[in-house]
Amino acid sequence: MLIVVIAYLYVILMVSIAAIASGHLMSGIFTLLFAGILPSFLLLRIQLLKRRRAMADLAEAANAANEALQSASTDTPSQPG
């Protein structure tokens, strides 16, 4: 996914440079900002939040399983052999 964002930013950068080269400085800056940087930031931020949430859920599940395993091992009496 990161390679797609990099390629998208490259294309938007080229469009912005073309707009600036043709004499439209503000158009180039706004194109770069509102069509390139802002959407890319939002997309990456949303994906990062999803990944963090998934990792937190996995860690919580692992902790719950570990606690259940520890409580099960301490609750069983040892059999004299």
PDB file of N, CA and C in Angstrom:
ATOM      1  N   MET A   1       0.817  -1.188   0.000  1.00  0.00           N
ATOM      2  CA  MET A   1       0.000   0.000   0.000  1.00  0.00           C
ATOM      3  C   MET A   1       0.865   1.257   0.000  1.00  0.00           C
ATOM      4  N   LEU A   2       1.992   1.165   0.662  1.00  0.00           N
ATOM      5  CA  LEU A   2       2.872   2.327   0.731  1.00  0.00           C
ATOM      6  C   LEU A   2       3.417   2.700  -0.646  1.00  0.00           C
ATOM      7  N   ILE A   3       3.694   1.717  -1.478  1.00  0.00           N
ATOM      8  CA  ILE A   3       4.209   2.012  -2.819  1.00  0.00           C
ATOM      9  C   ILE A   3       3.160   2.732  -3.657  1.00  0.00           C
ATOM     10  N   VAL A   4       1.890   2.428  -3.433  1.00  0.00           N
ATOM     11  CA  VAL A   4       0.809   3.109  -4.152  1.00  0.00           C
ATOM     12  C   VAL A   4       0.738   4.569  -3.719  1.00  0.00           C
ATOM     13  N   VAL A   5       0.887   4.817  -2.435  1.00  0.00           N
ATOM     14  CA  VAL A   5       0.854   6.191  -1.926  1.00  0.00           C
ATOM     15  C   VAL A   5       2.052   6.973  -2.462  1.00  0.00           C
ATOM     16  N   ILE A   6       3.210   6.355  -2.499  1.00  0.00           N
ATOM     17  CA  ILE A   6       4.399   7.026  -3.029  1.00  0.00           C
ATOM     18  C   ILE A   6       4.215   7.368  -4.506  1.00  0.00           C
ATOM     19  N   ALA A   7       3.677   6.435  -5.279  1.00  0.00           N
ATOM     20  CA  ALA A   7       3.437   6.684  -6.699  1.00  0.00           C
ATOM     21  C   ALA A   7       2.398   7.792  -6.890  1.00  0.00           C
ATOM     22  N   TYR A   8       1.355   7.778  -6.086  1.00  0.00           N
ATOM     23  CA  TYR A   8       0.328   8.817  -6.158  1.00  0.00           C
ATOM     24  C   TYR A   8       0.923  10.183  -5.847  1.00  0.00           C
ATOM     25  N   LEU A   9       1.736  10.255  -4.809  1.00  0.00           N
ATOM     26  CA  LEU A   9       2.365  11.529  -4.462  1.00  0.00           C
ATOM     27  C   LEU A   9       3.316  12.013  -5.557  1.00  0.00           C
ATOM     28  N   TYR A  10       3.977  11.069  -6.224  1.00  0.00           N
ATOM     29  CA  TYR A  10       4.862  11.442  -7.317  1.00  0.00           C
ATOM     30  C   TYR A  10       4.074  12.080  -8.460  1.00  0.00           C
ATOM     31  N   VAL A  11       2.948  11.468  -8.808  1.00  0.00           N
ATOM     32  CA  VAL A  11       2.126  12.006  -9.893  1.00  0.00           C
ATOM     33  C   VAL A  11       1.583  13.385  -9.522  1.00  0.00           C
ATOM     34  N   ILE A  12       1.099  13.524  -8.302  1.00  0.00           N
ATOM     35  CA  ILE A  12       0.578  14.817  -7.864  1.00  0.00           C
ATOM     36  C   ILE A  12       1.686  15.866  -7.826  1.00  0.00           C
ATOM     37  N   LEU A  13       2.881  15.468  -7.424  1.00  0.00           N
ATOM     38  CA  LEU A  13       4.012  16.390  -7.432  1.00  0.00           C
ATOM     39  C   LEU A  13       4.321  16.862  -8.852  1.00  0.00           C
ATOM     40  N   MET A  14       4.282  15.956  -9.817  1.00  0.00           N
ATOM     41  CA  MET A  14       4.540  16.341 -11.201  1.00  0.00           C
ATOM     42  C   MET A  14       3.456  17.286 -11.731  1.00  0.00           C
ATOM     43  N   VAL A  15       2.208  17.035 -11.358  1.00  0.00           N
ATOM     44  CA  VAL A  15       1.119  17.928 -11.768  1.00  0.00           C
ATOM     45  C   VAL A  15       1.316  19.304 -11.140  1.00  0.00           C
ATOM     46  N   SER A  16       1.720  19.327  -9.882  1.00  0.00           N
ATOM     47  CA  SER A  16       1.957  20.609  -9.208  1.00  0.00           C
ATOM     48  C   SER A  16       3.106  21.370  -9.843  1.00  0.00           C
ATOM     49  N   ILE A  17       4.161  20.678 -10.176  1.00  0.00           N
ATOM     50  CA  ILE A  17       5.304  21.331 -10.829  1.00  0.00           C
ATOM     51  C   ILE A  17       4.904  21.876 -12.191  1.00  0.00           C
ATOM     52  N   ALA A  18       4.076  21.121 -12.919  1.00  0.00           N
ATOM     53  CA  ALA A  18       3.607  21.605 -14.220  1.00  0.00           C
ATOM     54  C   ALA A  18       2.755  22.860 -14.056  1.00  0.00           C
ATOM     55  N   ALA A  19       1.920  22.886 -13.018  1.00  0.00           N
ATOM     56  CA  ALA A  19       1.089  24.073 -12.780  1.00  0.00           C
ATOM     57  C   ALA A  19       1.955  25.260 -12.391  1.00  0.00           C
ATOM     58  N   ILE A  20       2.959  25.042 -11.578  1.00  0.00           N
ATOM     59  CA  ILE A  20       3.852  26.132 -11.166  1.00  0.00           C
ATOM     60  C   ILE A  20       4.673  26.624 -12.358  1.00  0.00           C
ATOM     61  N   ALA A  21       5.122  25.693 -13.200  1.00  0.00           N
ATOM     62  CA  ALA A  21       5.929  26.070 -14.355  1.00  0.00           C
ATOM     63  C   ALA A  21       5.130  26.876 -15.372  1.00  0.00           C
ATOM     64  N   SER A  22       3.812  26.651 -15.407  1.00  0.00           N
ATOM     65  CA  SER A  22       2.992  27.402 -16.360  1.00  0.00           C
ATOM     66  C   SER A  22       2.578  28.762 -15.802  1.00  0.00           C
ATOM     67  N   GLY A  23       3.042  29.097 -14.612  1.00  0.00           N
ATOM     68  CA  GLY A  23       2.801  30.417 -14.074  1.00  0.00           C
ATOM     69  C   GLY A  23       1.705  30.491 -13.031  1.00  0.00           C
ATOM     70  N   HIS A  24       1.164  29.370 -12.612  1.00  0.00           N
ATOM     71  CA  HIS A  24       0.088  29.350 -11.621  1.00  0.00           C
ATOM     72  C   HIS A  24       0.625  28.797 -10.306  1.00  0.00           C
ATOM     73  N   LEU A  25       1.293  29.643  -9.563  1.00  0.00           N
ATOM     74  CA  LEU A  25       1.949  29.230  -8.329  1.00  0.00           C
ATOM     75  C   LEU A  25       0.951  28.719  -7.293  1.00  0.00           C
ATOM     76  N   MET A  26      -0.098  29.472  -7.044  1.00  0.00           N
ATOM     77  CA  MET A  26      -1.076  29.070  -6.030  1.00  0.00           C
ATOM     78  C   MET A  26      -1.805  27.794  -6.432  1.00  0.00           C
ATOM     79  N   SER A  27      -2.084  27.633  -7.695  1.00  0.00           N
ATOM     80  CA  SER A  27      -2.731  26.412  -8.174  1.00  0.00           C
ATOM     81  C   SER A  27      -1.843  25.199  -7.925  1.00  0.00           C
ATOM     82  N   GLY A  28      -0.572  25.340  -8.157  1.00  0.00           N
ATOM     83  CA  GLY A  28       0.367  24.250  -7.915  1.00  0.00           C
ATOM     84  C   GLY A  28       0.476  23.898  -6.441  1.00  0.00           C
ATOM     85  N   ILE A  29       0.524  24.920  -5.603  1.00  0.00           N
ATOM     86  CA  ILE A  29       0.624  24.686  -4.161  1.00  0.00           C
ATOM     87  C   ILE A  29      -0.645  24.026  -3.630  1.00  0.00           C
ATOM     88  N   PHE A  30      -1.816  24.550  -4.047  1.00  0.00           N
ATOM     89  CA  PHE A  30      -3.075  23.969  -3.583  1.00  0.00           C
ATOM     90  C   PHE A  30      -3.271  22.553  -4.101  1.00  0.00           C
ATOM     91  N   THR A  31      -2.837  22.297  -5.322  1.00  0.00           N
ATOM     92  CA  THR A  31      -2.927  20.939  -5.866  1.00  0.00           C
ATOM     93  C   THR A  31      -2.079  19.986  -5.041  1.00  0.00           C
ATOM     94  N   LEU A  32      -0.874  20.385  -4.750  1.00  0.00           N
ATOM     95  CA  LEU A  32       0.007  19.539  -3.951  1.00  0.00           C
ATOM     96  C   LEU A  32      -0.567  19.314  -2.552  1.00  0.00           C
ATOM     97  N   LEU A  33      -1.099  20.349  -1.953  1.00  0.00           N
ATOM     98  CA  LEU A  33      -1.609  20.229  -0.591  1.00  0.00           C
ATOM     99  C   LEU A  33      -2.921  19.440  -0.530  1.00  0.00           C
ATOM    100  N   PHE A  34      -3.918  19.867  -1.317  1.00  0.00           N
ATOM    101  CA  PHE A  34      -5.254  19.295  -1.179  1.00  0.00           C
ATOM    102  C   PHE A  34      -5.488  18.030  -2.002  1.00  0.00           C
ATOM    103  N   ALA A  35      -4.706  17.786  -3.023  1.00  0.00           N
ATOM    104  CA  ALA A  35      -4.867  16.560  -3.801  1.00  0.00           C
ATOM    105  C   ALA A  35      -3.773  15.546  -3.499  1.00  0.00           C
ATOM    106  N   GLY A  36      -2.726  15.970  -2.804  1.00  0.00           N
ATOM    107  CA  GLY A  36      -1.613  15.065  -2.554  1.00  0.00           C
ATOM    108  C   GLY A  36      -1.365  14.776  -1.092  1.00  0.00           C
ATOM    109  N   ILE A  37      -0.942  15.763  -0.368  1.00  0.00           N
ATOM    110  CA  ILE A  37      -0.492  15.551   1.008  1.00  0.00           C
ATOM    111  C   ILE A  37      -1.653  15.224   1.946  1.00  0.00           C
ATOM    112  N   LEU A  38      -2.718  16.005   1.884  1.00  0.00           N
ATOM    113  CA  LEU A  38      -3.837  15.799   2.802  1.00  0.00           C
ATOM    114  C   LEU A  38      -4.518  14.431   2.618  1.00  0.00           C
ATOM    115  N   PRO A  39      -4.884  14.014   1.406  1.00  0.00           N
ATOM    116  CA  PRO A  39      -5.496  12.682   1.268  1.00  0.00           C
ATOM    117  C   PRO A  39      -4.546  11.545   1.649  1.00  0.00           C
ATOM    118  N   SER A  40      -3.280  11.700   1.328  1.00  0.00           N
ATOM    119  CA  SER A  40      -2.312  10.658   1.682  1.00  0.00           C
ATOM    120  C   SER A  40      -2.161  10.544   3.191  1.00  0.00           C
ATOM    121  N   PHE A  41      -2.103  11.681   3.864  1.00  0.00           N
ATOM    122  CA  PHE A  41      -2.001  11.675   5.322  1.00  0.00           C
ATOM    123  C   PHE A  41      -3.212  10.999   5.939  1.00  0.00           C
ATOM    124  N   LEU A  42      -4.402  11.356   5.471  1.00  0.00           N
ATOM    125  CA  LEU A  42      -5.621  10.770   6.028  1.00  0.00           C
ATOM    126  C   LEU A  42      -5.684   9.267   5.783  1.00  0.00           C
ATOM    127  N   LEU A  43      -5.321   8.839   4.591  1.00  0.00           N
ATOM    128  CA  LEU A  43      -5.337   7.412   4.273  1.00  0.00           C
ATOM    129  C   LEU A  43      -4.363   6.642   5.156  1.00  0.00           C
ATOM    130  N   LEU A  44      -3.153   7.132   5.272  1.00  0.00           N
ATOM    131  CA  LEU A  44      -2.160   6.450   6.095  1.00  0.00           C
ATOM    132  C   LEU A  44      -2.532   6.490   7.569  1.00  0.00           C
ATOM    133  N   ARG A  45      -3.125   7.568   8.020  1.00  0.00           N
ATOM    134  CA  ARG A  45      -3.536   7.689   9.421  1.00  0.00           C
ATOM    135  C   ARG A  45      -4.642   6.685   9.755  1.00  0.00           C
ATOM    136  N   ILE A  46      -5.615   6.547   8.868  1.00  0.00           N
ATOM    137  CA  ILE A  46      -6.704   5.590   9.087  1.00  0.00           C
ATOM    138  C   ILE A  46      -6.168   4.163   9.114  1.00  0.00           C
ATOM    139  N   GLN A  47      -5.269   3.845   8.196  1.00  0.00           N
ATOM    140  CA  GLN A  47      -4.695   2.498   8.174  1.00  0.00           C
ATOM    141  C   GLN A  47      -3.861   2.231   9.411  1.00  0.00           C
ATOM    142  N   LEU A  48      -3.132   3.225   9.876  1.00  0.00           N
ATOM    143  CA  LEU A  48      -2.322   3.055  11.081  1.00  0.00           C
ATOM    144  C   LEU A  48      -3.201   2.830  12.304  1.00  0.00           C
ATOM    145  N   LEU A  49      -4.300   3.571  12.398  1.00  0.00           N
ATOM    146  CA  LEU A  49      -5.217   3.380  13.519  1.00  0.00           C
ATOM    147  C   LEU A  49      -5.845   1.990  13.505  1.00  0.00           C
ATOM    148  N   LYS A  50      -6.210   1.499  12.324  1.00  0.00           N
ATOM    149  CA  LYS A  50      -6.760   0.148  12.221  1.00  0.00           C
ATOM    150  C   LYS A  50      -5.739  -0.898  12.656  1.00  0.00           C
ATOM    151  N   ARG A  51      -4.492  -0.711  12.230  1.00  0.00           N
ATOM    152  CA  ARG A  51      -3.447  -1.658  12.589  1.00  0.00           C
ATOM    153  C   ARG A  51      -3.173  -1.638  14.093  1.00  0.00           C
ATOM    154  N   ARG A  52      -3.145  -0.430  14.684  1.00  0.00           N
ATOM    155  CA  ARG A  52      -2.934  -0.333  16.129  1.00  0.00           C
ATOM    156  C   ARG A  52      -4.070  -0.995  16.899  1.00  0.00           C
ATOM    157  N   ARG A  53      -5.302  -0.790  16.433  1.00  0.00           N
ATOM    158  CA  ARG A  53      -6.446  -1.383  17.104  1.00  0.00           C
ATOM    159  C   ARG A  53      -6.389  -2.913  17.013  1.00  0.00           C
ATOM    160  N   ALA A  54      -6.017  -3.433  15.868  1.00  0.00           N
ATOM    161  CA  ALA A  54      -5.909  -4.879  15.701  1.00  0.00           C
ATOM    162  C   ALA A  54      -4.799  -5.449  16.582  1.00  0.00           C
ATOM    163  N   MET A  55      -3.675  -4.748  16.668  1.00  0.00           N
ATOM    164  CA  MET A  55      -2.583  -5.223  17.509  1.00  0.00           C
ATOM    165  C   MET A  55      -2.970  -5.170  18.982  1.00  0.00           C
ATOM    166  N   ALA A  56      -3.708  -4.151  19.384  1.00  0.00           N
ATOM    167  CA  ALA A  56      -4.154  -4.058  20.772  1.00  0.00           C
ATOM    168  C   ALA A  56      -5.133  -5.183  21.095  1.00  0.00           C
ATOM    169  N   ASP A  57      -6.012  -5.503  20.162  1.00  0.00           N
ATOM    170  CA  ASP A  57      -6.952  -6.605  20.373  1.00  0.00           C
ATOM    171  C   ASP A  57      -6.218  -7.940  20.495  1.00  0.00           C
ATOM    172  N   LEU A  58      -5.207  -8.138  19.656  1.00  0.00           N
ATOM    173  CA  LEU A  58      -4.420  -9.367  19.740  1.00  0.00           C
ATOM    174  C   LEU A  58      -3.664  -9.460  21.066  1.00  0.00           C
ATOM    175  N   ALA A  59      -3.104  -8.356  21.512  1.00  0.00           N
ATOM    176  CA  ALA A  59      -2.380  -8.359  22.780  1.00  0.00           C
ATOM    177  C   ALA A  59      -3.329  -8.615  23.944  1.00  0.00           C
ATOM    178  N   GLU A  60      -4.523  -8.038  23.881  1.00  0.00           N
ATOM    179  CA  GLU A  60      -5.503  -8.261  24.934  1.00  0.00           C
ATOM    180  C   GLU A  60      -5.950  -9.721  24.971  1.00  0.00           C
ATOM    181  N   ALA A  61      -6.150 -10.307  23.813  1.00  0.00           N
ATOM    182  CA  ALA A  61      -6.543 -11.712  23.750  1.00  0.00           C
ATOM    183  C   ALA A  61      -5.422 -12.611  24.269  1.00  0.00           C
ATOM    184  N   ALA A  62      -4.190 -12.275  23.935  1.00  0.00           N
ATOM    185  CA  ALA A  62      -3.060 -13.068  24.411  1.00  0.00           C
ATOM    186  C   ALA A  62      -2.924 -12.959  25.925  1.00  0.00           C
ATOM    187  N   ASN A  63      -3.129 -11.767  26.462  1.00  0.00           N
ATOM    188  CA  ASN A  63      -3.063 -11.594  27.912  1.00  0.00           C
ATOM    189  C   ASN A  63      -4.172 -12.368  28.612  1.00  0.00           C
ATOM    190  N   ALA A  64      -5.371 -12.345  28.053  1.00  0.00           N
ATOM    191  CA  ALA A  64      -6.483 -13.075  28.648  1.00  0.00           C
ATOM    192  C   ALA A  64      -6.219 -14.579  28.618  1.00  0.00           C
ATOM    193  N   ALA A  65      -5.679 -15.060  27.518  1.00  0.00           N
ATOM    194  CA  ALA A  65      -5.366 -16.484  27.420  1.00  0.00           C
ATOM    195  C   ALA A  65      -4.260 -16.865  28.396  1.00  0.00           C
ATOM    196  N   ASN A  66      -3.273 -16.003  28.543  1.00  0.00           N
ATOM    197  CA  ASN A  66      -2.177 -16.266  29.469  1.00  0.00           C
ATOM    198  C   ASN A  66      -2.672 -16.296  30.910  1.00  0.00           C
ATOM    199  N   GLU A  67      -3.547 -15.343  31.268  1.00  0.00           N
ATOM    200  CA  GLU A  67      -4.103 -15.331  32.618  1.00  0.00           C
ATOM    201  C   GLU A  67      -4.968 -16.554  32.879  1.00  0.00           C
ATOM    202  N   ALA A  68      -5.739 -16.964  31.876  1.00  0.00           N
ATOM    203  CA  ALA A  68      -6.574 -18.154  32.034  1.00  0.00           C
ATOM    204  C   ALA A  68      -5.708 -19.400  32.212  1.00  0.00           C
ATOM    205  N   LEU A  69      -4.622 -19.467  31.489  1.00  0.00           N
ATOM    206  CA  LEU A  69      -3.716 -20.606  31.596  1.00  0.00           C
ATOM    207  C   LEU A  69      -3.043 -20.628  32.964  1.00  0.00           C
ATOM    208  N   GLN A  70      -2.632 -19.461  33.448  1.00  0.00           N
ATOM    209  CA  GLN A  70      -1.998 -19.407  34.760  1.00  0.00           C
ATOM    210  C   GLN A  70      -2.977 -19.746  35.874  1.00  0.00           C
ATOM    211  N   SER A  71      -4.203 -19.267  35.782  1.00  0.00           N
ATOM    212  CA  SER A  71      -5.180 -19.571  36.820  1.00  0.00           C
ATOM    213  C   SER A  71      -5.576 -21.038  36.779  1.00  0.00           C
ATOM    214  N   ALA A  72      -5.594 -21.637  35.608  1.00  0.00           N
ATOM    215  CA  ALA A  72      -5.923 -23.059  35.499  1.00  0.00           C
ATOM    216  C   ALA A  72      -4.803 -23.915  36.084  1.00  0.00           C
ATOM    217  N   SER A  73      -3.562 -23.487  35.910  1.00  0.00           N
ATOM    218  CA  SER A  73      -2.451 -24.280  36.426  1.00  0.00           C
ATOM    219  C   SER A  73      -2.319 -24.160  37.958  1.00  0.00           C
ATOM    220  N   THR A  74      -2.744 -23.029  38.531  1.00  0.00           N
ATOM    221  CA  THR A  74      -2.652 -22.867  39.985  1.00  0.00           C
ATOM    222  C   THR A  74      -3.878 -23.446  40.707  1.00  0.00           C
ATOM    223  N   ASP A  75      -4.998 -23.575  39.993  1.00  0.00           N
ATOM    224  CA  ASP A  75      -6.223 -24.107  40.609  1.00  0.00           C
ATOM    225  C   ASP A  75      -6.215 -25.619  40.734  1.00  0.00           C
ATOM    226  N   THR A  76      -5.482 -26.313  39.895  1.00  0.00           N
ATOM    227  CA  THR A  76      -5.481 -27.786  39.947  1.00  0.00           C
ATOM    228  C   THR A  76      -4.551 -28.249  41.052  1.00  0.00           C
ATOM    229  N   PRO A  77      -5.060 -29.077  41.949  1.00  0.00           N
ATOM    230  CA  PRO A  77      -4.193 -29.591  43.027  1.00  0.00           C
ATOM    231  C   PRO A  77      -3.214 -30.615  42.459  1.00  0.00           C
ATOM    232  N   SER A  78      -2.049 -30.664  43.048  1.00  0.00           N
ATOM    233  CA  SER A  78      -1.067 -31.644  42.593  1.00  0.00           C
ATOM    234  C   SER A  78      -1.398 -32.999  43.202  1.00  0.00           C
ATOM    235  N   GLN A  79      -1.244 -34.017  42.405  1.00  0.00           N
ATOM    236  CA  GLN A  79      -1.525 -35.390  42.835  1.00  0.00           C
ATOM    237  C   GLN A  79      -0.252 -36.009  43.397  1.00  0.00           C
ATOM    238  N   PRO A  80      -0.316 -36.508  44.590  1.00  0.00           N
ATOM    239  CA  PRO A  80       0.888 -37.180  45.101  1.00  0.00           C
ATOM    240  C   PRO A  80       1.098 -38.473  44.342  1.00  0.00           C
ATOM    241  N   GLY A  81       2.301 -38.736  44.007  1.00  0.00           N
ATOM    242  CA  GLY A  81       2.538 -39.885  43.142  1.00  0.00           C
ATOM    243  C   GLY A  81       3.320 -40.887  43.745  1.00  0.00           C
TER     244      GLY A  81
END
